[in-house]
Amino acid sequence: MSEKILLQTEFKDLKLFRRGKVRDVYDLGDKLLIVSTDRISCFDVVLPNGIPHKGKVLTRLSLFWFELLKDILPNHFLTVDVDKYPESARKYKSDLQGRSMLVLKSKPLPVECIVRGYLSGSGWKEYRLNRSVCGINLPAGMVESDKLPEVIFTPSTKAEVGHDINVSKDHIDKEIGKDTSDALAKYSIAIYKKARDYALSKGIIIADTKFEFGIHDGKITLIDEVLTPDSSRFWPKDDYAPGRAQASFDKQFVRDYLETLDWDKTPPAPDLPKEIIDKTSEKYLEAYRIITGEEFSRCL
């Protein structure tokens, strides 16, 4: 399937709100236009190569999850129908189609809300050092990829540039207030559990994920992307075995490749070989198909 790779948008007559690691966000007054490019970041560094179909998969998966999870709390989603966008944006339909969404503008809360159901990634590294993750003590004798005794909330700072830093919930309590922090932990765990159970029924383990929240009309609102291969670890259930790293449907595949290189994880990042790019694209498409039950071509 041939696909134009979009690395960056330049909509000159729209106000650029921010350019993130993957998304270009435009300010449309009381709304935002979020464009998911095909950029990919690993270790908080944007790589020079794009991944075919990636932005469209992220957009459509987020839309799927927003709909499934809307009974738990409100989200910022309005529409993906470019014909319903403000006139100033509709002229860019060829770039926006399938990879953008119009959302309510909210005030983002300065925390990455990470939820873990399994011991992996930075959580596994921290556990090996001190048998805890973000200040939460865990049982002795756990191995890589073990299912945790209970789902845990392990927040981090939110960095536009550079590395996010894992912190304790006490740290977040001081940053945004305990009531708000408690609410974020409650919502994050509730969302994760519902998504985890759904995905498990489809044959995917969601090992961990991150959410972002904002305040809109005084209420906590789910924003940004949700439960995509960029923000989550998706493992095939039928291949799961504790005690080792797992096969995945997410960008862990790219991280694993980069770990084999002599690269210090600071910009500039190395180019990815074509076989890594193509395999990563296949993994994103497969995650979409398994979770939604749709072939990707139906969402274009």
C-alpha atoms as a PDB file:
ATOM      1  CA  MET A   1       0.000   0.000   0.000  1.00  0.00           C
ATOM      2  CA  SER A   2       1.692   3.179  -1.200  1.00  0.00           C
ATOM      3  CA  GLU A   3       1.414   6.057   1.213  1.00  0.00           C
ATOM      4  CA  LYS A   4       2.701   9.606   1.287  1.00  0.00           C
ATOM      5  CA  ILE A   5       4.786  10.190   4.413  1.00  0.00           C
ATOM      6  CA  LEU A   6       4.027  13.488   6.148  1.00  0.00           C
ATOM      7  CA  LEU A   7       6.816  14.640   8.446  1.00  0.00           C
ATOM      8  CA  GLN A   8       5.697  18.215   9.082  1.00  0.00           C
ATOM      9  CA  THR A   9       2.861  20.570   8.190  1.00  0.00           C
ATOM     10  CA  GLU A  10       3.249  24.206   7.209  1.00  0.00           C
ATOM     11  CA  PHE A  11      -0.213  25.763   7.181  1.00  0.00           C
ATOM     12  CA  LYS A  12       0.892  29.371   6.808  1.00  0.00           C
ATOM     13  CA  ASP A  13      -2.479  31.023   7.441  1.00  0.00           C
ATOM     14  CA  LEU A  14      -3.251  28.948  10.550  1.00  0.00           C
ATOM     15  CA  LYS A  15      -1.737  29.795  13.940  1.00  0.00           C
ATOM     16  CA  LEU A  16       0.709  27.124  15.059  1.00  0.00           C
ATOM     17  CA  PHE A  17      -0.054  26.363  18.708  1.00  0.00           C
ATOM     18  CA  ARG A  18       2.794  23.923  19.228  1.00  0.00           C
ATOM     19  CA  ARG A  19       4.825  21.353  17.373  1.00  0.00           C
ATOM     20  CA  GLY A  20       5.290  18.251  19.502  1.00  0.00           C
ATOM     21  CA  LYS A  21       7.351  15.153  18.948  1.00  0.00           C
ATOM     22  CA  VAL A  22       4.680  13.699  16.671  1.00  0.00           C
ATOM     23  CA  ARG A  23       1.791  16.187  16.447  1.00  0.00           C
ATOM     24  CA  ASP A  24       1.438  19.613  14.895  1.00  0.00           C
ATOM     25  CA  VAL A  25      -1.281  21.536  16.739  1.00  0.00           C
ATOM     26  CA  TYR A  26      -2.988  24.652  15.379  1.00  0.00           C
ATOM     27  CA  ASP A  27      -4.982  27.222  17.338  1.00  0.00           C
ATOM     28  CA  LEU A  28      -8.482  27.823  15.944  1.00  0.00           C
ATOM     29  CA  GLY A  29      -9.787  30.023  18.760  1.00  0.00           C
ATOM     30  CA  ASP A  30     -11.796  27.927  21.206  1.00  0.00           C
ATOM     31  CA  LYS A  31     -10.749  24.760  19.359  1.00  0.00           C
ATOM     32  CA  LEU A  32      -7.500  23.090  18.373  1.00  0.00           C
ATOM     33  CA  LEU A  33      -6.640  21.254  15.173  1.00  0.00           C
ATOM     34  CA  ILE A  34      -4.402  18.266  15.977  1.00  0.00           C
ATOM     35  CA  VAL A  35      -2.489  16.785  13.067  1.00  0.00           C
ATOM     36  CA  SER A  36      -0.770  13.449  13.635  1.00  0.00           C
ATOM     37  CA  THR A  37       2.291  13.343  11.395  1.00  0.00           C
ATOM     38  CA  ASP A  38       4.277  10.241  10.546  1.00  0.00           C
ATOM     39  CA  ARG A  39       7.173  11.325  12.766  1.00  0.00           C
ATOM     40  CA  ILE A  40       8.362   8.836  15.348  1.00  0.00           C
ATOM     41  CA  SER A  41      10.258   9.571  18.542  1.00  0.00           C
ATOM     42  CA  CYS A  42      12.225   7.165  20.699  1.00  0.00           C
ATOM     43  CA  PHE A  43      13.957   7.997  23.960  1.00  0.00           C
ATOM     44  CA  ASP A  44      12.318  11.446  23.574  1.00  0.00           C
ATOM     45  CA  VAL A  45      14.260  12.137  20.369  1.00  0.00           C
ATOM     46  CA  VAL A  46      12.472  12.596  17.035  1.00  0.00           C
ATOM     47  CA  LEU A  47      13.948  10.273  14.409  1.00  0.00           C
ATOM     48  CA  PRO A  48      14.716  11.519  10.888  1.00  0.00           C
ATOM     49  CA  ASN A  49      12.492   8.938   9.158  1.00  0.00           C
ATOM     50  CA  GLY A  50       8.730   8.820   9.042  1.00  0.00           C
ATOM     51  CA  ILE A  51       6.664   5.634   9.388  1.00  0.00           C
ATOM     52  CA  PRO A  52       4.084   5.048   6.611  1.00  0.00           C
ATOM     53  CA  HIS A  53       0.433   5.205   7.808  1.00  0.00           C
ATOM     54  CA  LYS A  54       1.487   6.014  11.371  1.00  0.00           C
ATOM     55  CA  GLY A  55      -0.319   9.346  11.785  1.00  0.00           C
ATOM     56  CA  LYS A  56      -3.564   7.919  10.459  1.00  0.00           C
ATOM     57  CA  VAL A  57      -3.347   4.868  12.710  1.00  0.00           C
ATOM     58  CA  LEU A  58      -2.777   7.096  15.762  1.00  0.00           C
ATOM     59  CA  THR A  59      -5.742   9.278  14.878  1.00  0.00           C
ATOM     60  CA  ARG A  60      -8.148   6.432  14.202  1.00  0.00           C
ATOM     61  CA  LEU A  61      -7.123   4.408  17.239  1.00  0.00           C
ATOM     62  CA  SER A  62      -7.554   7.449  19.492  1.00  0.00           C
ATOM     63  CA  LEU A  63     -11.004   8.009  18.011  1.00  0.00           C
ATOM     64  CA  PHE A  64     -11.912   4.376  18.686  1.00  0.00           C
ATOM     65  CA  TRP A  65     -10.808   4.591  22.329  1.00  0.00           C
ATOM     66  CA  PHE A  66     -12.411   8.000  22.939  1.00  0.00           C
ATOM     67  CA  GLU A  67     -15.744   6.470  21.945  1.00  0.00           C
ATOM     68  CA  LEU A  68     -15.247   3.336  24.060  1.00  0.00           C
ATOM     69  CA  LEU A  69     -14.154   5.237  27.167  1.00  0.00           C
ATOM     70  CA  LYS A  70     -16.456   8.269  27.106  1.00  0.00           C
ATOM     71  CA  ASP A  71     -18.646   6.883  29.898  1.00  0.00           C
ATOM     72  CA  ILE A  72     -15.733   7.213  32.364  1.00  0.00           C
ATOM     73  CA  LEU A  73     -15.012  10.895  31.764  1.00  0.00           C
ATOM     74  CA  PRO A  74     -15.371  13.518  29.007  1.00  0.00           C
ATOM     75  CA  ASN A  75     -12.761  13.858  26.255  1.00  0.00           C
ATOM     76  CA  HIS A  76     -11.849  16.734  23.966  1.00  0.00           C
ATOM     77  CA  PHE A  77     -12.801  15.104  20.639  1.00  0.00           C
ATOM     78  CA  LEU A  78     -15.206  16.925  18.305  1.00  0.00           C
ATOM     79  CA  THR A  79     -14.831  15.559  14.750  1.00  0.00           C
ATOM     80  CA  VAL A  80     -12.479  14.049  12.170  1.00  0.00           C
ATOM     81  CA  ASP A  81     -14.696  15.171   9.273  1.00  0.00           C
ATOM     82  CA  VAL A  82     -12.567  17.780   7.500  1.00  0.00           C
ATOM     83  CA  ASP A  83     -15.689  19.174   5.807  1.00  0.00           C
ATOM     84  CA  LYS A  84     -16.884  20.212   9.284  1.00  0.00           C
ATOM     85  CA  TYR A  85     -13.642  22.020  10.142  1.00  0.00           C
ATOM     86  CA  PRO A  86     -13.525  25.823  10.019  1.00  0.00           C
ATOM     87  CA  GLU A  87     -13.151  27.147   6.483  1.00  0.00           C
ATOM     88  CA  SER A  88      -9.572  28.269   7.143  1.00  0.00           C
ATOM     89  CA  ALA A  89      -8.555  24.639   7.675  1.00  0.00           C
ATOM     90  CA  ARG A  90     -10.626  22.933   4.976  1.00  0.00           C
ATOM     91  CA  LYS A  91      -8.287  24.077   2.186  1.00  0.00           C
ATOM     92  CA  TYR A  92      -5.669  21.682   3.595  1.00  0.00           C
ATOM     93  CA  LYS A  93      -7.937  18.653   3.279  1.00  0.00           C
ATOM     94  CA  SER A  94      -5.406  16.581   1.330  1.00  0.00           C
ATOM     95  CA  ASP A  95      -2.971  16.723   4.260  1.00  0.00           C
ATOM     96  CA  LEU A  96      -5.606  16.576   6.998  1.00  0.00           C
ATOM     97  CA  GLN A  97      -7.778  13.722   5.719  1.00  0.00           C
ATOM     98  CA  GLY A  98      -7.540  10.708   8.017  1.00  0.00           C
ATOM     99  CA  ARG A  99      -4.768  12.065  10.243  1.00  0.00           C
ATOM    100  CA  SER A 100      -6.333  15.043  12.032  1.00  0.00           C
ATOM    101  CA  MET A 101      -9.032  15.821  14.550  1.00  0.00           C
ATOM    102  CA  LEU A 102     -10.789  18.958  15.719  1.00  0.00           C
ATOM    103  CA  VAL A 103     -10.897  19.147  19.514  1.00  0.00           C
ATOM    104  CA  LEU A 104     -11.962  21.439  22.319  1.00  0.00           C
ATOM    105  CA  LYS A 105      -9.222  23.670  23.665  1.00  0.00           C
ATOM    106  CA  SER A 106      -8.476  22.869  27.285  1.00  0.00           C
ATOM    107  CA  LYS A 107      -5.780  23.817  29.779  1.00  0.00           C
ATOM    108  CA  PRO A 108      -3.323  20.877  29.838  1.00  0.00           C
ATOM    109  CA  LEU A 109      -2.216  19.560  33.207  1.00  0.00           C
ATOM    110  CA  PRO A 110       1.605  19.315  33.481  1.00  0.00           C
ATOM    111  CA  VAL A 111       1.857  15.576  34.121  1.00  0.00           C
ATOM    112  CA  GLU A 112       2.156  12.386  32.096  1.00  0.00           C
ATOM    113  CA  CYS A 113      -0.264   9.944  33.710  1.00  0.00           C
ATOM    114  CA  ILE A 114       1.401   6.562  33.299  1.00  0.00           C
ATOM    115  CA  VAL A 115      -0.396   3.394  34.329  1.00  0.00           C
ATOM    116  CA  ARG A 116       1.370   0.053  34.573  1.00  0.00           C
ATOM    117  CA  GLY A 117      -0.115  -3.411  34.720  1.00  0.00           C
ATOM    118  CA  TYR A 118       3.159  -5.200  33.987  1.00  0.00           C
ATOM    119  CA  LEU A 119       6.808  -4.672  34.879  1.00  0.00           C
ATOM    120  CA  SER A 120       8.605  -3.391  31.804  1.00  0.00           C
ATOM    121  CA  GLY A 121      10.622  -0.510  30.387  1.00  0.00           C
ATOM    122  CA  SER A 122      11.800   2.131  32.833  1.00  0.00           C
ATOM    123  CA  GLY A 123       9.710   0.461  35.547  1.00  0.00           C
ATOM    124  CA  TRP A 124      11.706  -2.760  35.207  1.00  0.00           C
ATOM    125  CA  LYS A 125      14.993  -0.824  35.253  1.00  0.00           C
ATOM    126  CA  GLU A 126      13.965   1.007  38.424  1.00  0.00           C
ATOM    127  CA  TYR A 127      12.704  -2.178  40.094  1.00  0.00           C
ATOM    128  CA  ARG A 128      16.079  -3.860  39.593  1.00  0.00           C
ATOM    129  CA  LEU A 129      17.765  -0.985  41.414  1.00  0.00           C
ATOM    130  CA  ASN A 130      15.527  -0.590  44.454  1.00  0.00           C
ATOM    131  CA  ARG A 131      12.503  -2.956  44.170  1.00  0.00           C
ATOM    132  CA  SER A 132      10.123  -0.060  43.618  1.00  0.00           C
ATOM    133  CA  VAL A 133       8.632   2.022  40.801  1.00  0.00           C
ATOM    134  CA  CYS A 134       8.040   5.742  41.339  1.00  0.00           C
ATOM    135  CA  GLY A 135       8.064   5.284  45.112  1.00  0.00           C
ATOM    136  CA  ILE A 136       5.731   2.267  45.053  1.00  0.00           C
ATOM    137  CA  ASN A 137       7.309  -0.776  46.720  1.00  0.00           C
ATOM    138  CA  LEU A 138       6.844  -4.079  44.902  1.00  0.00           C
ATOM    139  CA  PRO A 139       7.343  -7.703  45.982  1.00  0.00           C
ATOM    140  CA  ALA A 140      10.804  -9.244  45.825  1.00  0.00           C
ATOM    141  CA  GLY A 141      11.627 -11.766  43.133  1.00  0.00           C
ATOM    142  CA  MET A 142       9.693 -10.261  40.240  1.00  0.00           C
ATOM    143  CA  VAL A 143      11.040 -10.756  36.721  1.00  0.00           C
ATOM    144  CA  GLU A 144      10.874  -8.703  33.555  1.00  0.00           C
ATOM    145  CA  SER A 145       7.348  -8.486  32.088  1.00  0.00           C
ATOM    146  CA  ASP A 146       5.711  -9.927  35.225  1.00  0.00           C
ATOM    147  CA  LYS A 147       2.117  -8.944  35.801  1.00  0.00           C
ATOM    148  CA  LEU A 148       2.010  -6.564  38.757  1.00  0.00           C
ATOM    149  CA  PRO A 149       0.000  -7.540  41.867  1.00  0.00           C
ATOM    150  CA  GLU A 150      -2.211  -4.544  41.140  1.00  0.00           C
ATOM    151  CA  VAL A 151      -2.365  -1.753  38.580  1.00  0.00           C
ATOM    152  CA  ILE A 152      -0.163   1.195  39.605  1.00  0.00           C
ATOM    153  CA  PHE A 153      -0.166   4.909  38.777  1.00  0.00           C
ATOM    154  CA  THR A 154       3.401   6.096  38.076  1.00  0.00           C
ATOM    155  CA  PRO A 155       3.401   9.694  36.821  1.00  0.00           C
ATOM    156  CA  SER A 156       6.188  11.572  35.095  1.00  0.00           C
ATOM    157  CA  THR A 157       6.958  15.159  34.233  1.00  0.00           C
ATOM    158  CA  LYS A 158       5.874  16.349  30.795  1.00  0.00           C
ATOM    159  CA  ALA A 159       8.760  17.554  28.631  1.00  0.00           C
ATOM    160  CA  GLU A 160       8.272  19.096  25.179  1.00  0.00           C
ATOM    161  CA  VAL A 161      12.016  18.810  24.646  1.00  0.00           C
ATOM    162  CA  GLY A 162      14.319  16.287  26.297  1.00  0.00           C
ATOM    163  CA  HIS A 163      13.419  13.449  28.613  1.00  0.00           C
ATOM    164  CA  ASP A 164      10.346  13.021  30.799  1.00  0.00           C
ATOM    165  CA  ILE A 165      11.296  12.163  34.382  1.00  0.00           C
ATOM    166  CA  ASN A 166       9.505   9.551  36.483  1.00  0.00           C
ATOM    167  CA  VAL A 167       8.311  11.025  39.786  1.00  0.00           C
ATOM    168  CA  SER A 168       6.275   9.911  42.781  1.00  0.00           C
ATOM    169  CA  LYS A 169       2.615  10.724  43.236  1.00  0.00           C
ATOM    170  CA  ASP A 170       3.629  12.882  46.213  1.00  0.00           C
ATOM    171  CA  HIS A 171       5.565  15.050  43.780  1.00  0.00           C
ATOM    172  CA  ILE A 172       2.469  15.461  41.597  1.00  0.00           C
ATOM    173  CA  ASP A 173       0.351  16.231  44.689  1.00  0.00           C
ATOM    174  CA  LYS A 174       2.589  19.230  45.332  1.00  0.00           C
ATOM    175  CA  GLU A 175       2.620  20.315  41.685  1.00  0.00           C
ATOM    176  CA  ILE A 176      -1.110  20.329  40.937  1.00  0.00           C
ATOM    177  CA  GLY A 177      -2.810  19.768  44.310  1.00  0.00           C
ATOM    178  CA  LYS A 178      -3.759  16.493  45.967  1.00  0.00           C
ATOM    179  CA  ASP A 179      -7.430  16.552  44.949  1.00  0.00           C
ATOM    180  CA  THR A 180      -6.568  16.939  41.270  1.00  0.00           C
ATOM    181  CA  SER A 181      -3.749  14.411  41.548  1.00  0.00           C
ATOM    182  CA  ASP A 182      -6.077  11.880  43.204  1.00  0.00           C
ATOM    183  CA  ALA A 183      -8.632  12.383  40.444  1.00  0.00           C
ATOM    184  CA  LEU A 184      -6.024  11.842  37.716  1.00  0.00           C
ATOM    185  CA  ALA A 185      -4.865   8.623  39.370  1.00  0.00           C
ATOM    186  CA  LYS A 186      -8.448   7.377  39.718  1.00  0.00           C
ATOM    187  CA  TYR A 187      -9.401   8.186  36.126  1.00  0.00           C
ATOM    188  CA  SER A 188      -6.139   6.830  34.703  1.00  0.00           C
ATOM    189  CA  ILE A 189      -6.534   3.471  36.423  1.00  0.00           C
ATOM    190  CA  ALA A 190     -10.229   3.201  35.519  1.00  0.00           C
ATOM    191  CA  ILE A 191      -9.533   3.958  31.848  1.00  0.00           C
ATOM    192  CA  TYR A 192      -6.628   1.532  31.753  1.00  0.00           C
ATOM    193  CA  LYS A 193      -8.632  -1.293  33.308  1.00  0.00           C
ATOM    194  CA  LYS A 194     -11.508  -0.940  30.857  1.00  0.00           C
ATOM    195  CA  ALA A 195      -9.146  -0.747  27.885  1.00  0.00           C
ATOM    196  CA  ARG A 196      -7.009  -3.611  29.223  1.00  0.00           C
ATOM    197  CA  ASP A 197     -10.006  -5.917  29.528  1.00  0.00           C
ATOM    198  CA  TYR A 198     -11.259  -5.018  26.054  1.00  0.00           C
ATOM    199  CA  ALA A 199      -7.836  -5.500  24.444  1.00  0.00           C
ATOM    200  CA  LEU A 200      -7.297  -8.791  26.245  1.00  0.00           C
ATOM    201  CA  SER A 201     -10.512 -10.087  24.694  1.00  0.00           C
ATOM    202  CA  LYS A 202      -8.937  -9.337  21.301  1.00  0.00           C
ATOM    203  CA  GLY A 203      -5.636 -11.025  22.116  1.00  0.00           C
ATOM    204  CA  ILE A 204      -3.554  -7.997  23.102  1.00  0.00           C
ATOM    205  CA  ILE A 205      -2.008  -7.277  26.493  1.00  0.00           C
ATOM    206  CA  ILE A 206      -1.722  -3.564  27.284  1.00  0.00           C
ATOM    207  CA  ALA A 207       1.325  -3.683  29.529  1.00  0.00           C
ATOM    208  CA  ASP A 208       1.366   0.025  30.276  1.00  0.00           C
ATOM    209  CA  THR A 209       0.181   3.295  28.800  1.00  0.00           C
ATOM    210  CA  LYS A 210       0.162   7.028  29.378  1.00  0.00           C
ATOM    211  CA  PHE A 211      -2.695   9.516  29.411  1.00  0.00           C
ATOM    212  CA  GLU A 212      -2.843  13.277  29.350  1.00  0.00           C
ATOM    213  CA  PHE A 213      -5.582  15.386  30.863  1.00  0.00           C
ATOM    214  CA  GLY A 214      -6.683  18.995  30.699  1.00  0.00           C
ATOM    215  CA  ILE A 215      -9.255  21.237  32.299  1.00  0.00           C
ATOM    216  CA  HIS A 216     -12.222  22.346  30.176  1.00  0.00           C
ATOM    217  CA  ASP A 217     -15.109  24.307  31.684  1.00  0.00           C
ATOM    218  CA  GLY A 218     -13.713  23.459  35.109  1.00  0.00           C
ATOM    219  CA  LYS A 219     -13.810  19.699  34.499  1.00  0.00           C
ATOM    220  CA  ILE A 220     -11.019  17.180  34.026  1.00  0.00           C
ATOM    221  CA  THR A 221     -10.999  16.072  30.391  1.00  0.00           C
ATOM    222  CA  LEU A 222      -9.090  13.330  28.572  1.00  0.00           C
ATOM    223  CA  ILE A 223      -6.941  14.947  25.855  1.00  0.00           C
ATOM    224  CA  ASP A 224      -4.172  14.257  23.327  1.00  0.00           C
ATOM    225  CA  GLU A 225      -3.891  10.697  22.014  1.00  0.00           C
ATOM    226  CA  VAL A 226      -5.092   7.667  23.900  1.00  0.00           C
ATOM    227  CA  LEU A 227      -3.986   4.016  23.911  1.00  0.00           C
ATOM    228  CA  THR A 228      -1.985   4.073  20.694  1.00  0.00           C
ATOM    229  CA  PRO A 229       1.214   2.173  19.850  1.00  0.00           C
ATOM    230  CA  ASP A 230       3.057   5.447  20.549  1.00  0.00           C
ATOM    231  CA  SER A 231       1.725   5.825  24.078  1.00  0.00           C
ATOM    232  CA  SER A 232       1.365   2.164  25.099  1.00  0.00           C
ATOM    233  CA  ARG A 233       3.063  -1.207  25.138  1.00  0.00           C
ATOM    234  CA  PHE A 234       0.929  -3.718  23.236  1.00  0.00           C
ATOM    235  CA  TRP A 235       1.978  -7.362  23.565  1.00  0.00           C
ATOM    236  CA  PRO A 236       0.469 -10.373  21.762  1.00  0.00           C
ATOM    237  CA  LYS A 237      -1.299 -12.430  24.421  1.00  0.00           C
ATOM    238  CA  ASP A 238      -0.472 -15.782  22.828  1.00  0.00           C
ATOM    239  CA  ASP A 239       3.279 -15.070  22.948  1.00  0.00           C
ATOM    240  CA  TYR A 240       3.407 -13.674  26.496  1.00  0.00           C
ATOM    241  CA  ALA A 241       5.933 -15.223  28.874  1.00  0.00           C
ATOM    242  CA  PRO A 242       7.352 -13.464  31.971  1.00  0.00           C
ATOM    243  CA  GLY A 243      11.112 -13.382  32.424  1.00  0.00           C
ATOM    244  CA  ARG A 244      12.033 -11.761  29.125  1.00  0.00           C
ATOM    245  CA  ALA A 245      11.253  -8.849  26.845  1.00  0.00           C
ATOM    246  CA  GLN A 246       8.048  -9.389  24.852  1.00  0.00           C
ATOM    247  CA  ALA A 247       7.177  -9.224  21.191  1.00  0.00           C
ATOM    248  CA  SER A 248       5.165  -6.056  20.632  1.00  0.00           C
ATOM    249  CA  PHE A 249       2.853  -4.142  18.315  1.00  0.00           C
ATOM    250  CA  ASP A 250       4.359  -0.797  19.250  1.00  0.00           C
ATOM    251  CA  LYS A 251       7.494   1.281  18.762  1.00  0.00           C
ATOM    252  CA  GLN A 252       9.446  -0.917  21.189  1.00  0.00           C
ATOM    253  CA  PHE A 253      10.594  -2.636  18.005  1.00  0.00           C
ATOM    254  CA  VAL A 254      12.357   0.593  16.975  1.00  0.00           C
ATOM    255  CA  ARG A 255      13.753   1.147  20.472  1.00  0.00           C
ATOM    256  CA  ASP A 256      15.205  -2.364  20.443  1.00  0.00           C
ATOM    257  CA  TYR A 257      16.920  -1.684  17.117  1.00  0.00           C
ATOM    258  CA  LEU A 258      18.336   1.631  18.355  1.00  0.00           C
ATOM    259  CA  GLU A 259      19.705  -0.080  21.463  1.00  0.00           C
ATOM    260  CA  THR A 260      21.985  -2.125  19.200  1.00  0.00           C
ATOM    261  CA  LEU A 261      23.659   1.017  17.848  1.00  0.00           C
ATOM    262  CA  ASP A 262      26.450   3.152  19.224  1.00  0.00           C
ATOM    263  CA  TRP A 263      24.107   6.097  19.820  1.00  0.00           C
ATOM    264  CA  ASP A 264      23.907   8.097  23.054  1.00  0.00           C
ATOM    265  CA  LYS A 265      20.161   8.841  22.702  1.00  0.00           C
ATOM    266  CA  THR A 266      20.683  12.541  22.112  1.00  0.00           C
ATOM    267  CA  PRO A 267      19.970  14.418  18.841  1.00  0.00           C
ATOM    268  CA  PRO A 268      20.646  13.916  16.044  1.00  0.00           C
ATOM    269  CA  ALA A 269      19.146  10.445  15.839  1.00  0.00           C
ATOM    270  CA  PRO A 270      20.420   7.916  13.285  1.00  0.00           C
ATOM    271  CA  ASP A 271      18.525   7.026  10.123  1.00  0.00           C
ATOM    272  CA  LEU A 272      16.401   3.907  10.237  1.00  0.00           C
ATOM    273  CA  PRO A 273      16.940   1.162   7.636  1.00  0.00           C
ATOM    274  CA  LYS A 274      14.059   0.505   5.247  1.00  0.00           C
ATOM    275  CA  GLU A 275      13.356  -2.903   6.765  1.00  0.00           C
ATOM    276  CA  ILE A 276      12.911  -1.371  10.234  1.00  0.00           C
ATOM    277  CA  ILE A 277      10.621   1.344   8.835  1.00  0.00           C
ATOM    278  CA  ASP A 278       8.477  -1.178   6.924  1.00  0.00           C
ATOM    279  CA  LYS A 279       8.254  -3.615   9.842  1.00  0.00           C
ATOM    280  CA  THR A 280       7.264  -0.806  12.223  1.00  0.00           C
ATOM    281  CA  SER A 281       4.512   0.313   9.852  1.00  0.00           C
ATOM    282  CA  GLU A 282       3.231  -3.267   9.701  1.00  0.00           C
ATOM    283  CA  LYS A 283       3.107  -3.436  13.500  1.00  0.00           C
ATOM    284  CA  TYR A 284       1.036  -0.230  13.749  1.00  0.00           C
ATOM    285  CA  LEU A 285      -1.381  -1.480  11.079  1.00  0.00           C
ATOM    286  CA  GLU A 286      -1.716  -4.858  12.797  1.00  0.00           C
ATOM    287  CA  ALA A 287      -2.454  -3.196  16.149  1.00  0.00           C
ATOM    288  CA  TYR A 288      -5.204  -1.178  14.480  1.00  0.00           C
ATOM    289  CA  ARG A 289      -6.743  -4.242  12.835  1.00  0.00           C
ATOM    290  CA  ILE A 290      -6.738  -6.380  15.973  1.00  0.00           C
ATOM    291  CA  ILE A 291      -8.104  -3.720  18.306  1.00  0.00           C
ATOM    292  CA  THR A 292     -10.797  -2.238  16.076  1.00  0.00           C
ATOM    293  CA  GLY A 293     -11.660  -5.324  14.006  1.00  0.00           C
ATOM    294  CA  GLU A 294     -11.357  -3.175  10.843  1.00  0.00           C
ATOM    295  CA  GLU A 295      -8.945  -3.356   7.983  1.00  0.00           C
ATOM    296  CA  PHE A 296      -7.013  -0.111   7.896  1.00  0.00           C
ATOM    297  CA  SER A 297      -8.112   0.780   4.352  1.00  0.00           C
ATOM    298  CA  ARG A 298     -11.654   1.301   5.644  1.00  0.00           C
ATOM    299  CA  CYS A 299     -10.600   4.295   7.707  1.00  0.00           C
ATOM    300  CA  LEU A 300      -8.954   6.243   4.871  1.00  0.00           C
END
